[in-house]
Amino acid sequence: MLQIPLTDADWARVQNLFPVVPSGRGRPRRSDREILNAVLWVLQTKEKWHRLPATFPPQQTCYLRYTTWKRTGVLDQVSERLPLCDPALSAY
């Protein structure tokens, strides 16, 4: 099973899948690494989004980013580079 939070080595394998988004107005954007850790936690534990521990970013933020990544194929690419999480990613 994949270690959460991601190790620096695992993050390095997928980091380039997440382009740097320029900071605009308002609240600072949550890091993709934090969000990916939360998404992988939900997928591995098969818990509902509302049960996401408070150590992760807000569940709404994580879910919205998850749906975007799922729609654009980013999660498929993550599962190719981190094969230990492949069964979890295909379950959703």
PDB file of N, CA and C in Angstrom:
ATOM      1  N   MET A   1       0.838  -1.177   0.000  1.00  0.00           N
ATOM      2  CA  MET A   1       0.000   0.000   0.000  1.00  0.00           C
ATOM      3  C   MET A   1       0.886   1.244   0.000  1.00  0.00           C
ATOM      4  N   LEU A   2       0.442   2.253  -0.679  1.00  0.00           N
ATOM      5  CA  LEU A   2       1.188   3.495  -0.815  1.00  0.00           C
ATOM      6  C   LEU A   2       1.213   4.248   0.506  1.00  0.00           C
ATOM      7  N   GLN A   3       2.359   4.800   0.841  1.00  0.00           N
ATOM      8  CA  GLN A   3       2.507   5.546   2.090  1.00  0.00           C
ATOM      9  C   GLN A   3       1.898   6.938   1.945  1.00  0.00           C
ATOM     10  N   ILE A   4       1.093   7.322   2.928  1.00  0.00           N
ATOM     11  CA  ILE A   4       0.509   8.663   2.949  1.00  0.00           C
ATOM     12  C   ILE A   4       0.912   9.311   4.260  1.00  0.00           C
ATOM     13  N   PRO A   5       1.446  10.522   4.267  1.00  0.00           N
ATOM     14  CA  PRO A   5       1.680  11.364   3.106  1.00  0.00           C
ATOM     15  C   PRO A   5       2.761  10.792   2.193  1.00  0.00           C
ATOM     16  N   LEU A   6       2.688  11.222   0.954  1.00  0.00           N
ATOM     17  CA  LEU A   6       3.651  10.734  -0.034  1.00  0.00           C
ATOM     18  C   LEU A   6       5.070  11.056   0.387  1.00  0.00           C
ATOM     19  N   THR A   7       5.953  10.130   0.133  1.00  0.00           N
ATOM     20  CA  THR A   7       7.365  10.388   0.385  1.00  0.00           C
ATOM     21  C   THR A   7       7.865  11.379  -0.658  1.00  0.00           C
ATOM     22  N   ASP A   8       9.005  11.984  -0.386  1.00  0.00           N
ATOM     23  CA  ASP A   8       9.574  12.914  -1.358  1.00  0.00           C
ATOM     24  C   ASP A   8       9.860  12.215  -2.683  1.00  0.00           C
ATOM     25  N   ALA A   9      10.287  10.960  -2.627  1.00  0.00           N
ATOM     26  CA  ALA A   9      10.577  10.205  -3.854  1.00  0.00           C
ATOM     27  C   ALA A   9       9.308   9.961  -4.668  1.00  0.00           C
ATOM     28  N   ASP A  10       8.216   9.576  -3.998  1.00  0.00           N
ATOM     29  CA  ASP A  10       6.958   9.356  -4.705  1.00  0.00           C
ATOM     30  C   ASP A  10       6.418  10.662  -5.285  1.00  0.00           C
ATOM     31  N   TRP A  11       6.501  11.730  -4.515  1.00  0.00           N
ATOM     32  CA  TRP A  11       6.033  13.022  -5.007  1.00  0.00           C
ATOM     33  C   TRP A  11       6.854  13.454  -6.229  1.00  0.00           C
ATOM     34  N   ALA A  12       8.143  13.217  -6.210  1.00  0.00           N
ATOM     35  CA  ALA A  12       9.001  13.588  -7.340  1.00  0.00           C
ATOM     36  C   ALA A  12       8.576  12.859  -8.618  1.00  0.00           C
ATOM     37  N   ARG A  13       8.046  11.638  -8.482  1.00  0.00           N
ATOM     38  CA  ARG A  13       7.618  10.869  -9.651  1.00  0.00           C
ATOM     39  C   ARG A  13       6.356  11.430 -10.304  1.00  0.00           C
ATOM     40  N   VAL A  14       5.536  12.165  -9.557  1.00  0.00           N
ATOM     41  CA  VAL A  14       4.279  12.676 -10.108  1.00  0.00           C
ATOM     42  C   VAL A  14       4.193  14.195 -10.143  1.00  0.00           C
ATOM     43  N   GLN A  15       5.140  14.876  -9.573  1.00  0.00           N
ATOM     44  CA  GLN A  15       5.089  16.324  -9.413  1.00  0.00           C
ATOM     45  C   GLN A  15       4.866  17.071 -10.727  1.00  0.00           C
ATOM     46  N   ASN A  16       5.485  16.613 -11.795  1.00  0.00           N
ATOM     47  CA  ASN A  16       5.365  17.346 -13.063  1.00  0.00           C
ATOM     48  C   ASN A  16       3.989  17.200 -13.713  1.00  0.00           C
ATOM     49  N   LEU A  17       3.113  16.369 -13.173  1.00  0.00           N
ATOM     50  CA  LEU A  17       1.747  16.248 -13.679  1.00  0.00           C
ATOM     51  C   LEU A  17       0.878  17.419 -13.230  1.00  0.00           C
ATOM     52  N   PHE A  18       1.353  18.154 -12.249  1.00  0.00           N
ATOM     53  CA  PHE A  18       0.584  19.250 -11.676  1.00  0.00           C
ATOM     54  C   PHE A  18       1.273  20.572 -12.011  1.00  0.00           C
ATOM     55  N   PRO A  19       0.775  21.291 -13.016  1.00  0.00           N
ATOM     56  CA  PRO A  19       1.430  22.540 -13.424  1.00  0.00           C
ATOM     57  C   PRO A  19       1.322  23.607 -12.331  1.00  0.00           C
ATOM     58  N   VAL A  20       2.308  24.466 -12.300  1.00  0.00           N
ATOM     59  CA  VAL A  20       2.308  25.558 -11.337  1.00  0.00           C
ATOM     60  C   VAL A  20       1.255  26.569 -11.775  1.00  0.00           C
ATOM     61  N   VAL A  21       0.329  26.867 -10.870  1.00  0.00           N
ATOM     62  CA  VAL A  21      -0.743  27.817 -11.155  1.00  0.00           C
ATOM     63  C   VAL A  21      -0.381  29.124 -10.479  1.00  0.00           C
ATOM     64  N   PRO A  22      -0.360  30.218 -11.261  1.00  0.00           N
ATOM     65  CA  PRO A  22      -0.004  31.496 -10.649  1.00  0.00           C
ATOM     66  C   PRO A  22      -1.019  31.886  -9.578  1.00  0.00           C
ATOM     67  N   SER A  23      -0.502  32.452  -8.507  1.00  0.00           N
ATOM     68  CA  SER A  23      -1.352  32.864  -7.397  1.00  0.00           C
ATOM     69  C   SER A  23      -2.111  34.124  -7.776  1.00  0.00           C
ATOM     70  N   GLY A  24      -3.382  34.100  -7.582  1.00  0.00           N
ATOM     71  CA  GLY A  24      -4.213  35.265  -7.885  1.00  0.00           C
ATOM     72  C   GLY A  24      -4.645  35.952  -6.611  1.00  0.00           C
ATOM     73  N   ARG A  25      -5.809  36.541  -6.668  1.00  0.00           N
ATOM     74  CA  ARG A  25      -6.357  37.202  -5.491  1.00  0.00           C
ATOM     75  C   ARG A  25      -7.005  36.184  -4.572  1.00  0.00           C
ATOM     76  N   GLY A  26      -7.299  36.619  -3.379  1.00  0.00           N
ATOM     77  CA  GLY A  26      -8.006  35.757  -2.443  1.00  0.00           C
ATOM     78  C   GLY A  26      -7.081  34.863  -1.656  1.00  0.00           C
ATOM     79  N   ARG A  27      -7.643  33.753  -1.223  1.00  0.00           N
ATOM     80  CA  ARG A  27      -6.870  32.814  -0.411  1.00  0.00           C
ATOM     81  C   ARG A  27      -5.789  32.141  -1.244  1.00  0.00           C
ATOM     82  N   PRO A  28      -4.675  31.843  -0.605  1.00  0.00           N
ATOM     83  CA  PRO A  28      -3.623  31.117  -1.323  1.00  0.00           C
ATOM     84  C   PRO A  28      -4.124  29.731  -1.722  1.00  0.00           C
ATOM     85  N   ARG A  29      -3.720  29.290  -2.881  1.00  0.00           N
ATOM     86  CA  ARG A  29      -4.117  27.976  -3.378  1.00  0.00           C
ATOM     87  C   ARG A  29      -3.426  26.893  -2.558  1.00  0.00           C
ATOM     88  N   ARG A  30      -4.180  25.852  -2.203  1.00  0.00           N
ATOM     89  CA  ARG A  30      -3.606  24.704  -1.494  1.00  0.00           C
ATOM     90  C   ARG A  30      -2.683  23.958  -2.426  1.00  0.00           C
ATOM     91  N   SER A  31      -1.627  23.413  -1.871  1.00  0.00           N
ATOM     92  CA  SER A  31      -0.648  22.721  -2.708  1.00  0.00           C
ATOM     93  C   SER A  31      -1.235  21.432  -3.257  1.00  0.00           C
ATOM     94  N   ASP A  32      -0.834  21.106  -4.467  1.00  0.00           N
ATOM     95  CA  ASP A  32      -1.289  19.875  -5.101  1.00  0.00           C
ATOM     96  C   ASP A  32      -0.849  18.652  -4.305  1.00  0.00           C
ATOM     97  N   ARG A  33       0.294  18.742  -3.676  1.00  0.00           N
ATOM     98  CA  ARG A  33       0.779  17.610  -2.885  1.00  0.00           C
ATOM     99  C   ARG A  33      -0.147  17.329  -1.707  1.00  0.00           C
ATOM    100  N   GLU A  34      -0.584  18.388  -0.999  1.00  0.00           N
ATOM    101  CA  GLU A  34      -1.516  18.229   0.115  1.00  0.00           C
ATOM    102  C   GLU A  34      -2.830  17.606  -0.357  1.00  0.00           C
ATOM    103  N   ILE A  35      -3.327  18.097  -1.473  1.00  0.00           N
ATOM    104  CA  ILE A  35      -4.596  17.610  -2.010  1.00  0.00           C
ATOM    105  C   ILE A  35      -4.453  16.159  -2.463  1.00  0.00           C
ATOM    106  N   LEU A  36      -3.355  15.850  -3.146  1.00  0.00           N
ATOM    107  CA  LEU A  36      -3.151  14.472  -3.607  1.00  0.00           C
ATOM    108  C   LEU A  36      -3.063  13.512  -2.417  1.00  0.00           C
ATOM    109  N   ASN A  37      -2.409  13.919  -1.358  1.00  0.00           N
ATOM    110  CA  ASN A  37      -2.366  13.083  -0.147  1.00  0.00           C
ATOM    111  C   ASN A  37      -3.776  12.800   0.361  1.00  0.00           C
ATOM    112  N   ALA A  38      -4.626  13.810   0.380  1.00  0.00           N
ATOM    113  CA  ALA A  38      -6.002  13.641   0.839  1.00  0.00           C
ATOM    114  C   ALA A  38      -6.787  12.721  -0.089  1.00  0.00           C
ATOM    115  N   VAL A  39      -6.638  12.918  -1.392  1.00  0.00           N
ATOM    116  CA  VAL A  39      -7.339  12.078  -2.371  1.00  0.00           C
ATOM    117  C   VAL A  39      -6.907  10.626  -2.219  1.00  0.00           C
ATOM    118  N   LEU A  40      -5.626  10.400  -2.101  1.00  0.00           N
ATOM    119  CA  LEU A  40      -5.130   9.033  -1.951  1.00  0.00           C
ATOM    120  C   LEU A  40      -5.606   8.410  -0.645  1.00  0.00           C
ATOM    121  N   TRP A  41      -5.713   9.218   0.414  1.00  0.00           N
ATOM    122  CA  TRP A  41      -6.236   8.702   1.674  1.00  0.00           C
ATOM    123  C   TRP A  41      -7.672   8.216   1.500  1.00  0.00           C
ATOM    124  N   VAL A  42      -8.506   9.028   0.847  1.00  0.00           N
ATOM    125  CA  VAL A  42      -9.905   8.651   0.622  1.00  0.00           C
ATOM    126  C   VAL A  42      -9.985   7.388  -0.227  1.00  0.00           C
ATOM    127  N   LEU A  43      -9.171   7.310  -1.267  1.00  0.00           N
ATOM    128  CA  LEU A  43      -9.219   6.153  -2.155  1.00  0.00           C
ATOM    129  C   LEU A  43      -8.715   4.882  -1.470  1.00  0.00           C
ATOM    130  N   GLN A  44      -7.694   5.010  -0.659  1.00  0.00           N
ATOM    131  CA  GLN A  44      -7.149   3.829   0.012  1.00  0.00           C
ATOM    132  C   GLN A  44      -8.042   3.330   1.138  1.00  0.00           C
ATOM    133  N   THR A  45      -8.622   4.252   1.892  1.00  0.00           N
ATOM    134  CA  THR A  45      -9.436   3.855   3.037  1.00  0.00           C
ATOM    135  C   THR A  45     -10.880   3.564   2.645  1.00  0.00           C
ATOM    136  N   LYS A  46     -11.256   4.003   1.428  1.00  0.00           N
ATOM    137  CA  LYS A  46     -12.632   3.856   0.943  1.00  0.00           C
ATOM    138  C   LYS A  46     -13.638   4.546   1.871  1.00  0.00           C
ATOM    139  N   GLU A  47     -13.185   5.616   2.495  1.00  0.00           N
ATOM    140  CA  GLU A  47     -14.050   6.423   3.362  1.00  0.00           C
ATOM    141  C   GLU A  47     -14.770   7.472   2.523  1.00  0.00           C
ATOM    142  N   LYS A  48     -15.797   8.049   3.084  1.00  0.00           N
ATOM    143  CA  LYS A  48     -16.515   9.149   2.448  1.00  0.00           C
ATOM    144  C   LYS A  48     -15.706  10.435   2.617  1.00  0.00           C
ATOM    145  N   TRP A  49     -15.938  11.370   1.711  1.00  0.00           N
ATOM    146  CA  TRP A  49     -15.184  12.624   1.747  1.00  0.00           C
ATOM    147  C   TRP A  49     -15.400  13.375   3.065  1.00  0.00           C
ATOM    148  N   HIS A  50     -16.591  13.312   3.627  1.00  0.00           N
ATOM    149  CA  HIS A  50     -16.846  14.057   4.864  1.00  0.00           C
ATOM    150  C   HIS A  50     -16.096  13.475   6.057  1.00  0.00           C
ATOM    151  N   ARG A  51     -15.502  12.306   5.912  1.00  0.00           N
ATOM    152  CA  ARG A  51     -14.705  11.710   6.986  1.00  0.00           C
ATOM    153  C   ARG A  51     -13.206  12.023   6.853  1.00  0.00           C
ATOM    154  N   LEU A  52     -12.861  12.870   5.923  1.00  0.00           N
ATOM    155  CA  LEU A  52     -11.465  13.249   5.726  1.00  0.00           C
ATOM    156  C   LEU A  52     -10.930  13.893   7.006  1.00  0.00           C
ATOM    157  N   PRO A  53      -9.831  13.383   7.555  1.00  0.00           N
ATOM    158  CA  PRO A  53      -9.288  13.950   8.800  1.00  0.00           C
ATOM    159  C   PRO A  53      -8.925  15.433   8.654  1.00  0.00           C
ATOM    160  N   ALA A  54      -8.989  16.132   9.752  1.00  0.00           N
ATOM    161  CA  ALA A  54      -8.720  17.572   9.768  1.00  0.00           C
ATOM    162  C   ALA A  54      -7.269  17.908   9.438  1.00  0.00           C
ATOM    163  N   THR A  55      -6.394  16.913   9.407  1.00  0.00           N
ATOM    164  CA  THR A  55      -4.994  17.167   9.065  1.00  0.00           C
ATOM    165  C   THR A  55      -4.838  17.467   7.578  1.00  0.00           C
ATOM    166  N   PHE A  56      -5.862  17.163   6.782  1.00  0.00           N
ATOM    167  CA  PHE A  56      -5.847  17.446   5.350  1.00  0.00           C
ATOM    168  C   PHE A  56      -6.562  18.761   5.079  1.00  0.00           C
ATOM    169  N   PRO A  57      -6.404  19.308   3.861  1.00  0.00           N
ATOM    170  CA  PRO A  57      -7.160  20.517   3.499  1.00  0.00           C
ATOM    171  C   PRO A  57      -8.665  20.249   3.551  1.00  0.00           C
ATOM    172  N   PRO A  58      -9.490  21.291   3.469  1.00  0.00           N
ATOM    173  CA  PRO A  58     -10.941  21.111   3.538  1.00  0.00           C
ATOM    174  C   PRO A  58     -11.452  20.102   2.502  1.00  0.00           C
ATOM    175  N   GLN A  59     -12.442  19.323   2.902  1.00  0.00           N
ATOM    176  CA  GLN A  59     -12.956  18.261   2.043  1.00  0.00           C
ATOM    177  C   GLN A  59     -13.507  18.807   0.719  1.00  0.00           C
ATOM    178  N   GLN A  60     -14.132  19.981   0.728  1.00  0.00           N
ATOM    179  CA  GLN A  60     -14.675  20.542  -0.500  1.00  0.00           C
ATOM    180  C   GLN A  60     -13.556  20.844  -1.492  1.00  0.00           C
ATOM    181  N   THR A  61     -12.476  21.399  -0.988  1.00  0.00           N
ATOM    182  CA  THR A  61     -11.319  21.717  -1.830  1.00  0.00           C
ATOM    183  C   THR A  61     -10.750  20.440  -2.427  1.00  0.00           C
ATOM    184  N   CYS A  62     -10.598  19.427  -1.603  1.00  0.00           N
ATOM    185  CA  CYS A  62     -10.035  18.155  -2.064  1.00  0.00           C
ATOM    186  C   CYS A  62     -10.944  17.496  -3.095  1.00  0.00           C
ATOM    187  N   TYR A  63     -12.241  17.503  -2.838  1.00  0.00           N
ATOM    188  CA  TYR A  63     -13.171  16.851  -3.759  1.00  0.00           C
ATOM    189  C   TYR A  63     -13.218  17.575  -5.101  1.00  0.00           C
ATOM    190  N   LEU A  64     -13.231  18.886  -5.077  1.00  0.00           N
ATOM    191  CA  LEU A  64     -13.260  19.637  -6.345  1.00  0.00           C
ATOM    192  C   LEU A  64     -12.002  19.380  -7.166  1.00  0.00           C
ATOM    193  N   ARG A  65     -10.869  19.357  -6.514  1.00  0.00           N
ATOM    194  CA  ARG A  65      -9.621  19.086  -7.235  1.00  0.00           C
ATOM    195  C   ARG A  65      -9.615  17.644  -7.737  1.00  0.00           C
ATOM    196  N   TYR A  66     -10.140  16.710  -6.922  1.00  0.00           N
ATOM    197  CA  TYR A  66     -10.243  15.305  -7.332  1.00  0.00           C
ATOM    198  C   TYR A  66     -11.079  15.178  -8.599  1.00  0.00           C
ATOM    199  N   THR A  67     -12.234  15.828  -8.652  1.00  0.00           N
ATOM    200  CA  THR A  67     -13.089  15.711  -9.837  1.00  0.00           C
ATOM    201  C   THR A  67     -12.421  16.307 -11.068  1.00  0.00           C
ATOM    202  N   THR A  68     -11.707  17.391 -10.883  1.00  0.00           N
ATOM    203  CA  THR A  68     -10.971  17.994 -12.006  1.00  0.00           C
ATOM    204  C   THR A  68      -9.884  17.052 -12.495  1.00  0.00           C
ATOM    205  N   TRP A  69      -9.118  16.493 -11.593  1.00  0.00           N
ATOM    206  CA  TRP A  69      -8.037  15.577 -11.965  1.00  0.00           C
ATOM    207  C   TRP A  69      -8.583  14.310 -12.594  1.00  0.00           C
ATOM    208  N   LYS A  70      -9.710  13.828 -12.104  1.00  0.00           N
ATOM    209  CA  LYS A  70     -10.326  12.623 -12.670  1.00  0.00           C
ATOM    210  C   LYS A  70     -10.786  12.901 -14.105  1.00  0.00           C
ATOM    211  N   ARG A  71     -11.438  14.047 -14.308  1.00  0.00           N
ATOM    212  CA  ARG A  71     -11.964  14.414 -15.624  1.00  0.00           C
ATOM    213  C   ARG A  71     -10.848  14.650 -16.636  1.00  0.00           C
ATOM    214  N   THR A  72      -9.756  15.240 -16.203  1.00  0.00           N
ATOM    215  CA  THR A  72      -8.669  15.575 -17.129  1.00  0.00           C
ATOM    216  C   THR A  72      -7.652  14.452 -17.306  1.00  0.00           C
ATOM    217  N   GLY A  73      -7.802  13.364 -16.569  1.00  0.00           N
ATOM    218  CA  GLY A  73      -6.903  12.224 -16.717  1.00  0.00           C
ATOM    219  C   GLY A  73      -5.655  12.264 -15.868  1.00  0.00           C
ATOM    220  N   VAL A  74      -5.530  13.264 -15.021  1.00  0.00           N
ATOM    221  CA  VAL A  74      -4.338  13.369 -14.174  1.00  0.00           C
ATOM    222  C   VAL A  74      -4.251  12.176 -13.225  1.00  0.00           C
ATOM    223  N   LEU A  75      -5.369  11.749 -12.658  1.00  0.00           N
ATOM    224  CA  LEU A  75      -5.327  10.618 -11.723  1.00  0.00           C
ATOM    225  C   LEU A  75      -4.927   9.319 -12.414  1.00  0.00           C
ATOM    226  N   ASP A  76      -5.305   9.171 -13.673  1.00  0.00           N
ATOM    227  CA  ASP A  76      -4.863   7.992 -14.427  1.00  0.00           C
ATOM    228  C   ASP A  76      -3.347   7.991 -14.575  1.00  0.00           C
ATOM    229  N   GLN A  77      -2.787   9.165 -14.844  1.00  0.00           N
ATOM    230  CA  GLN A  77      -1.336   9.277 -14.986  1.00  0.00           C
ATOM    231  C   GLN A  77      -0.640   9.048 -13.649  1.00  0.00           C
ATOM    232  N   VAL A  78      -1.245   9.518 -12.561  1.00  0.00           N
ATOM    233  CA  VAL A  78      -0.684   9.276 -11.224  1.00  0.00           C
ATOM    234  C   VAL A  78      -0.650   7.777 -10.959  1.00  0.00           C
ATOM    235  N   SER A  79      -1.736   7.080 -11.304  1.00  0.00           N
ATOM    236  CA  SER A  79      -1.786   5.636 -11.036  1.00  0.00           C
ATOM    237  C   SER A  79      -0.765   4.871 -11.862  1.00  0.00           C
ATOM    238  N   GLU A  80      -0.399   5.399 -13.029  1.00  0.00           N
ATOM    239  CA  GLU A  80       0.645   4.763 -13.841  1.00  0.00           C
ATOM    240  C   GLU A  80       2.014   4.926 -13.198  1.00  0.00           C
ATOM    241  N   ARG A  81       2.237   6.075 -12.572  1.00  0.00           N
ATOM    242  CA  ARG A  81       3.550   6.346 -11.971  1.00  0.00           C
ATOM    243  C   ARG A  81       3.681   5.828 -10.549  1.00  0.00           C
ATOM    244  N   LEU A  82       2.560   5.672  -9.881  1.00  0.00           N
ATOM    245  CA  LEU A  82       2.539   5.117  -8.530  1.00  0.00           C
ATOM    246  C   LEU A  82       1.653   3.881  -8.555  1.00  0.00           C
ATOM    247  N   PRO A  83       2.157   2.780  -9.105  1.00  0.00           N
ATOM    248  CA  PRO A  83       1.310   1.614  -9.326  1.00  0.00           C
ATOM    249  C   PRO A  83       0.717   1.000  -8.067  1.00  0.00           C
ATOM    250  N   LEU A  84       1.265   1.311  -6.917  1.00  0.00           N
ATOM    251  CA  LEU A  84       0.715   0.752  -5.684  1.00  0.00           C
ATOM    252  C   LEU A  84      -0.683   1.266  -5.378  1.00  0.00           C
ATOM    253  N   CYS A  85      -1.037   2.421  -5.960  1.00  0.00           N
ATOM    254  CA  CYS A  85      -2.369   2.959  -5.692  1.00  0.00           C
ATOM    255  C   CYS A  85      -3.327   2.659  -6.829  1.00  0.00           C
ATOM    256  N   ASP A  86      -2.924   1.918  -7.825  1.00  0.00           N
ATOM    257  CA  ASP A  86      -3.759   1.647  -8.996  1.00  0.00           C
ATOM    258  C   ASP A  86      -5.110   1.039  -8.672  1.00  0.00           C
ATOM    259  N   PRO A  87      -5.211  -0.007  -7.848  1.00  0.00           N
ATOM    260  CA  PRO A  87      -6.522  -0.580  -7.561  1.00  0.00           C
ATOM    261  C   PRO A  87      -7.472   0.434  -6.906  1.00  0.00           C
ATOM    262  N   ALA A  88      -6.939   1.265  -6.061  1.00  0.00           N
ATOM    263  CA  ALA A  88      -7.783   2.256  -5.402  1.00  0.00           C
ATOM    264  C   ALA A  88      -8.312   3.278  -6.390  1.00  0.00           C
ATOM    265  N   LEU A  89      -7.478   3.730  -7.310  1.00  0.00           N
ATOM    266  CA  LEU A  89      -7.900   4.742  -8.253  1.00  0.00           C
ATOM    267  C   LEU A  89      -8.966   4.222  -9.196  1.00  0.00           C
ATOM    268  N   SER A  90      -8.880   2.972  -9.572  1.00  0.00           N
ATOM    269  CA  SER A  90      -9.852   2.427 -10.514  1.00  0.00           C
ATOM    270  C   SER A  90     -11.194   2.145  -9.844  1.00  0.00           C
ATOM    271  N   ALA A  91     -11.226   2.179  -8.504  1.00  0.00           N
ATOM    272  CA  ALA A  91     -12.454   1.863  -7.794  1.00  0.00           C
ATOM    273  C   ALA A  91     -13.453   3.010  -7.833  1.00  0.00           C
ATOM    274  N   TYR A  92     -13.004   4.223  -8.104  1.00  0.00           N
ATOM    275  CA  TYR A  92     -13.906   5.375  -8.070  1.00  0.00           C
ATOM    276  C   TYR A  92     -14.225   5.879  -9.426  1.00  0.00           C
TER     277      TYR A  92
END
